[in-house]
Amino acid sequence: MRIINREIVSGHIYSSDGRLLIARNTHPTAGVVYGDCWKIPGGGIEIGETKLETLVREVQEETGIDITSFKAELIDDSMTGEAEKTLRGTKERVFAKMKFFTYKVVLDKPYSQISVTLDPHEFNEYQWIELPELKSLKLSPPSIELFEKLGYL
C-alpha cells in the first residue's frame, strides 16, 4: 500500500449560542477516513492554497456554510494521525500520514438558524452539540486527542 503525506485543515465551527458542528458518514462504502466517527469538517490542502483558503473551501464543500467573512483562529497545529483512505478520483487505497491544522470559527447565528448542506461523499449526518455531549459520541482518534488536549473530554 502506498503511503501519502497530507496536511489537513479542519474547523471547529461554532454557532453564536456556543454549539459545535460535528458530522459523520455512516455509509459502509464511503471510503472516508475515520468513517462512522463523529468529526469536524476539513480536508487536505490543494497545491497553491493557503491553510485559510483550504479551511474556507472545505467547510463550504462539506457543510454548505460560507465562513469567508468570519475570523478563523488557529487553535492547534501539533496533531498528527494515520489512517487508510480511498482516493476519490482513482479509488486507490492508500495509507495517509496526516498533520492537522485546526481553526475555530464562530458564526453570527444560533445553530437553529444555520443551514447545513452536507456533501454526501463526506458526511450523511450532522449535529450541533454542546461540548459536554462529546463524551457520549464515537469520535475519530485525532478528534479524541485534540478534544482531550483542549479540555473538552
C-alpha atoms as a PDB file:
ATOM      1  CA  MET A   1       0.000   0.000   0.000  1.00  0.00           C
ATOM      2  CA  ARG A   2       1.312   3.397  -0.971  1.00  0.00           C
ATOM      3  CA  ILE A   3       1.972   5.960   1.793  1.00  0.00           C
ATOM      4  CA  ILE A   4       0.974   9.580   1.271  1.00  0.00           C
ATOM      5  CA  ASN A   5       1.675  12.616   3.451  1.00  0.00           C
ATOM      6  CA  ARG A   6      -1.150  15.146   3.801  1.00  0.00           C
ATOM      7  CA  GLU A   7      -1.580  18.449   5.572  1.00  0.00           C
ATOM      8  CA  ILE A   8      -5.180  18.628   6.767  1.00  0.00           C
ATOM      9  CA  VAL A   9      -7.007  21.799   7.740  1.00  0.00           C
ATOM     10  CA  SER A  10     -10.130  21.456   9.855  1.00  0.00           C
ATOM     11  CA  GLY A  11     -12.571  23.799  11.520  1.00  0.00           C
ATOM     12  CA  HIS A  12     -14.333  23.901  14.833  1.00  0.00           C
ATOM     13  CA  ILE A  13     -17.417  25.717  13.591  1.00  0.00           C
ATOM     14  CA  TYR A  14     -19.451  27.210  16.440  1.00  0.00           C
ATOM     15  CA  SER A  15     -22.886  28.786  16.359  1.00  0.00           C
ATOM     16  CA  SER A  16     -23.353  32.092  18.184  1.00  0.00           C
ATOM     17  CA  ASP A  17     -25.010  30.158  21.022  1.00  0.00           C
ATOM     18  CA  GLY A  18     -21.909  28.016  21.570  1.00  0.00           C
ATOM     19  CA  ARG A  19     -22.764  24.762  19.801  1.00  0.00           C
ATOM     20  CA  LEU A  20     -20.122  22.880  17.816  1.00  0.00           C
ATOM     21  CA  LEU A  21     -20.877  21.414  14.391  1.00  0.00           C
ATOM     22  CA  ILE A  22     -19.829  17.776  14.028  1.00  0.00           C
ATOM     23  CA  ALA A  23     -20.659  15.242  11.345  1.00  0.00           C
ATOM     24  CA  ARG A  24     -20.084  11.642  10.295  1.00  0.00           C
ATOM     25  CA  ASN A  25     -20.570   9.285   7.365  1.00  0.00           C
ATOM     26  CA  THR A  26     -22.265   6.020   8.295  1.00  0.00           C
ATOM     27  CA  HIS A  27     -22.301   4.600   4.751  1.00  0.00           C
ATOM     28  CA  PRO A  28     -20.055   1.491   4.781  1.00  0.00           C
ATOM     29  CA  THR A  29     -18.566   2.085   1.325  1.00  0.00           C
ATOM     30  CA  ALA A  30     -17.951   5.814   1.614  1.00  0.00           C
ATOM     31  CA  GLY A  31     -14.162   5.343   1.840  1.00  0.00           C
ATOM     32  CA  VAL A  32     -13.722   8.372   4.079  1.00  0.00           C
ATOM     33  CA  VAL A  33     -11.025   8.485   6.727  1.00  0.00           C
ATOM     34  CA  TYR A  34     -12.409   7.550  10.146  1.00  0.00           C
ATOM     35  CA  GLY A  35     -15.781   6.536   8.718  1.00  0.00           C
ATOM     36  CA  ASP A  36     -18.626   6.189  11.205  1.00  0.00           C
ATOM     37  CA  CYS A  37     -16.847   8.507  13.662  1.00  0.00           C
ATOM     38  CA  TRP A  38     -18.018  11.994  14.548  1.00  0.00           C
ATOM     39  CA  LYS A  39     -15.544  14.647  13.435  1.00  0.00           C
ATOM     40  CA  ILE A  40     -15.251  18.242  12.359  1.00  0.00           C
ATOM     41  CA  PRO A  41     -15.209  19.387   8.719  1.00  0.00           C
ATOM     42  CA  GLY A  42     -11.882  19.649   6.973  1.00  0.00           C
ATOM     43  CA  GLY A  43      -9.622  18.256   4.331  1.00  0.00           C
ATOM     44  CA  GLY A  44      -6.335  18.342   2.519  1.00  0.00           C
ATOM     45  CA  ILE A  45      -4.532  21.413   1.285  1.00  0.00           C
ATOM     46  CA  GLU A  46      -4.522  21.623  -2.506  1.00  0.00           C
ATOM     47  CA  ILE A  47      -1.492  22.829  -4.474  1.00  0.00           C
ATOM     48  CA  GLY A  48      -1.285  26.640  -4.333  1.00  0.00           C
ATOM     49  CA  GLU A  49      -3.764  27.016  -1.443  1.00  0.00           C
ATOM     50  CA  THR A  50      -3.102  28.618   1.901  1.00  0.00           C
ATOM     51  CA  LYS A  51      -4.383  26.955   5.053  1.00  0.00           C
ATOM     52  CA  LEU A  52      -7.141  29.559   5.413  1.00  0.00           C
ATOM     53  CA  GLU A  53      -8.212  29.129   1.784  1.00  0.00           C
ATOM     54  CA  THR A  54      -8.392  25.377   2.410  1.00  0.00           C
ATOM     55  CA  LEU A  55     -10.466  25.929   5.543  1.00  0.00           C
ATOM     56  CA  VAL A  56     -12.980  28.120   3.708  1.00  0.00           C
ATOM     57  CA  ARG A  57     -13.186  25.701   0.752  1.00  0.00           C
ATOM     58  CA  GLU A  58     -13.515  22.550   2.832  1.00  0.00           C
ATOM     59  CA  VAL A  59     -16.172  23.951   5.177  1.00  0.00           C
ATOM     60  CA  GLN A  60     -18.151  25.235   2.158  1.00  0.00           C
ATOM     61  CA  GLU A  61     -17.835  21.946   0.253  1.00  0.00           C
ATOM     62  CA  GLU A  62     -18.620  19.674   3.187  1.00  0.00           C
ATOM     63  CA  THR A  63     -21.308  21.681   5.008  1.00  0.00           C
ATOM     64  CA  GLY A  64     -22.523  24.400   2.633  1.00  0.00           C
ATOM     65  CA  ILE A  65     -21.561  27.060   5.200  1.00  0.00           C
ATOM     66  CA  ASP A  66     -19.675  30.099   3.890  1.00  0.00           C
ATOM     67  CA  ILE A  67     -17.203  31.211   6.571  1.00  0.00           C
ATOM     68  CA  THR A  68     -15.413  33.762   4.373  1.00  0.00           C
ATOM     69  CA  SER A  69     -16.494  36.765   6.448  1.00  0.00           C
ATOM     70  CA  PHE A  70     -15.712  35.234   9.855  1.00  0.00           C
ATOM     71  CA  LYS A  71     -12.464  35.272  11.835  1.00  0.00           C
ATOM     72  CA  ALA A  72     -10.589  31.967  11.847  1.00  0.00           C
ATOM     73  CA  GLU A  73      -8.356  31.439  14.879  1.00  0.00           C
ATOM     74  CA  LEU A  74      -5.691  28.717  14.798  1.00  0.00           C
ATOM     75  CA  ILE A  75      -6.241  26.623  17.936  1.00  0.00           C
ATOM     76  CA  ASP A  76      -3.840  23.744  17.284  1.00  0.00           C
ATOM     77  CA  ASP A  77      -1.112  22.737  14.842  1.00  0.00           C
ATOM     78  CA  SER A  78       0.556  19.886  16.738  1.00  0.00           C
ATOM     79  CA  MET A  79      -1.735  16.958  15.914  1.00  0.00           C
ATOM     80  CA  THR A  80      -0.863  14.065  13.616  1.00  0.00           C
ATOM     81  CA  GLY A  81      -2.732  10.953  12.566  1.00  0.00           C
ATOM     82  CA  GLU A  82      -2.612   7.920  10.306  1.00  0.00           C
ATOM     83  CA  ALA A  83      -5.371   6.064   8.501  1.00  0.00           C
ATOM     84  CA  GLU A  84      -6.196   4.100   5.392  1.00  0.00           C
ATOM     85  CA  LYS A  85      -8.069   6.092   2.769  1.00  0.00           C
ATOM     86  CA  THR A  86      -9.591   5.505  -0.645  1.00  0.00           C
ATOM     87  CA  LEU A  87      -8.624   8.273  -3.075  1.00  0.00           C
ATOM     88  CA  ARG A  88     -11.796   9.676  -4.590  1.00  0.00           C
ATOM     89  CA  GLY A  89     -10.519  10.107  -8.159  1.00  0.00           C
ATOM     90  CA  THR A  90      -8.631   6.830  -8.651  1.00  0.00           C
ATOM     91  CA  LYS A  91     -10.244   4.652  -5.938  1.00  0.00           C
ATOM     92  CA  GLU A  92      -6.705   3.657  -4.893  1.00  0.00           C
ATOM     93  CA  ARG A  93      -6.335   2.550  -1.259  1.00  0.00           C
ATOM     94  CA  VAL A  94      -3.503   4.431   0.427  1.00  0.00           C
ATOM     95  CA  PHE A  95      -2.106   4.858   3.912  1.00  0.00           C
ATOM     96  CA  ALA A  96      -2.313   8.548   4.817  1.00  0.00           C
ATOM     97  CA  LYS A  97       0.057  10.172   7.302  1.00  0.00           C
ATOM     98  CA  MET A  98      -1.603  13.438   8.281  1.00  0.00           C
ATOM     99  CA  LYS A  99      -0.615  16.679  10.024  1.00  0.00           C
ATOM    100  CA  PHE A 100      -3.619  18.658  11.263  1.00  0.00           C
ATOM    101  CA  PHE A 101      -4.128  22.410  11.477  1.00  0.00           C
ATOM    102  CA  THR A 102      -7.291  23.173  13.428  1.00  0.00           C
ATOM    103  CA  TYR A 103      -9.098  26.506  13.438  1.00  0.00           C
ATOM    104  CA  LYS A 104     -12.013  27.887  15.424  1.00  0.00           C
ATOM    105  CA  VAL A 105     -14.711  29.924  13.682  1.00  0.00           C
ATOM    106  CA  VAL A 106     -17.706  31.434  15.488  1.00  0.00           C
ATOM    107  CA  LEU A 107     -20.713  32.200  13.289  1.00  0.00           C
ATOM    108  CA  ASP A 108     -23.150  35.055  13.904  1.00  0.00           C
ATOM    109  CA  LYS A 109     -26.350  32.983  14.246  1.00  0.00           C
ATOM    110  CA  PRO A 110     -27.723  30.418  16.692  1.00  0.00           C
ATOM    111  CA  TYR A 111     -27.494  26.841  15.430  1.00  0.00           C
ATOM    112  CA  SER A 112     -31.228  26.641  14.740  1.00  0.00           C
ATOM    113  CA  GLN A 113     -30.866  29.371  12.098  1.00  0.00           C
ATOM    114  CA  ILE A 114     -27.844  27.936  10.256  1.00  0.00           C
ATOM    115  CA  SER A 115     -28.494  25.956   7.099  1.00  0.00           C
ATOM    116  CA  VAL A 116     -26.248  22.915   6.642  1.00  0.00           C
ATOM    117  CA  THR A 117     -25.998  21.092   3.315  1.00  0.00           C
ATOM    118  CA  LEU A 118     -23.739  18.049   3.619  1.00  0.00           C
ATOM    119  CA  ASP A 119     -21.529  16.700   0.848  1.00  0.00           C
ATOM    120  CA  PRO A 120     -22.734  13.063   0.667  1.00  0.00           C
ATOM    121  CA  HIS A 121     -19.206  11.915  -0.257  1.00  0.00           C
ATOM    122  CA  GLU A 122     -18.029  13.153   3.133  1.00  0.00           C
ATOM    123  CA  PHE A 123     -20.962  13.125   5.552  1.00  0.00           C
ATOM    124  CA  ASN A 124     -24.554  11.919   5.786  1.00  0.00           C
ATOM    125  CA  GLU A 125     -25.387  13.089   9.299  1.00  0.00           C
ATOM    126  CA  TYR A 126     -24.595  16.138  11.437  1.00  0.00           C
ATOM    127  CA  GLN A 127     -25.328  17.621  14.852  1.00  0.00           C
ATOM    128  CA  TRP A 128     -24.840  20.926  16.624  1.00  0.00           C
ATOM    129  CA  ILE A 129     -23.706  19.823  20.075  1.00  0.00           C
ATOM    130  CA  GLU A 130     -22.826  21.317  23.414  1.00  0.00           C
ATOM    131  CA  LEU A 131     -19.251  20.392  24.343  1.00  0.00           C
ATOM    132  CA  PRO A 132     -20.177  18.049  27.268  1.00  0.00           C
ATOM    133  CA  GLU A 133     -22.019  15.861  24.710  1.00  0.00           C
ATOM    134  CA  LEU A 134     -18.662  14.921  23.118  1.00  0.00           C
ATOM    135  CA  LYS A 135     -18.121  12.366  25.876  1.00  0.00           C
ATOM    136  CA  SER A 136     -21.038  10.242  24.644  1.00  0.00           C
ATOM    137  CA  LEU A 137     -20.059  10.131  20.951  1.00  0.00           C
ATOM    138  CA  LYS A 138     -17.819   7.816  18.917  1.00  0.00           C
ATOM    139  CA  LEU A 139     -15.129  10.274  17.832  1.00  0.00           C
ATOM    140  CA  SER A 140     -12.233   9.904  15.397  1.00  0.00           C
ATOM    141  CA  PRO A 141      -8.859   9.215  17.072  1.00  0.00           C
ATOM    142  CA  PRO A 142      -7.425  12.657  16.179  1.00  0.00           C
ATOM    143  CA  SER A 143     -10.635  14.288  17.465  1.00  0.00           C
ATOM    144  CA  ILE A 144     -10.337  12.460  20.777  1.00  0.00           C
ATOM    145  CA  GLU A 145      -6.722  13.543  21.146  1.00  0.00           C
ATOM    146  CA  LEU A 146      -7.471  17.167  20.284  1.00  0.00           C
ATOM    147  CA  PHE A 147     -10.613  17.422  22.419  1.00  0.00           C
ATOM    148  CA  GLU A 148      -8.668  15.975  25.360  1.00  0.00           C
ATOM    149  CA  LYS A 149      -5.833  18.449  24.767  1.00  0.00           C
ATOM    150  CA  LEU A 150      -8.351  21.331  24.690  1.00  0.00           C
ATOM    151  CA  GLY A 151     -10.004  20.082  27.894  1.00  0.00           C
ATOM    152  CA  TYR A 152     -13.338  19.167  26.274  1.00  0.00           C
ATOM    153  CA  LEU A 153     -13.113  15.469  27.255  1.00  0.00           C
END
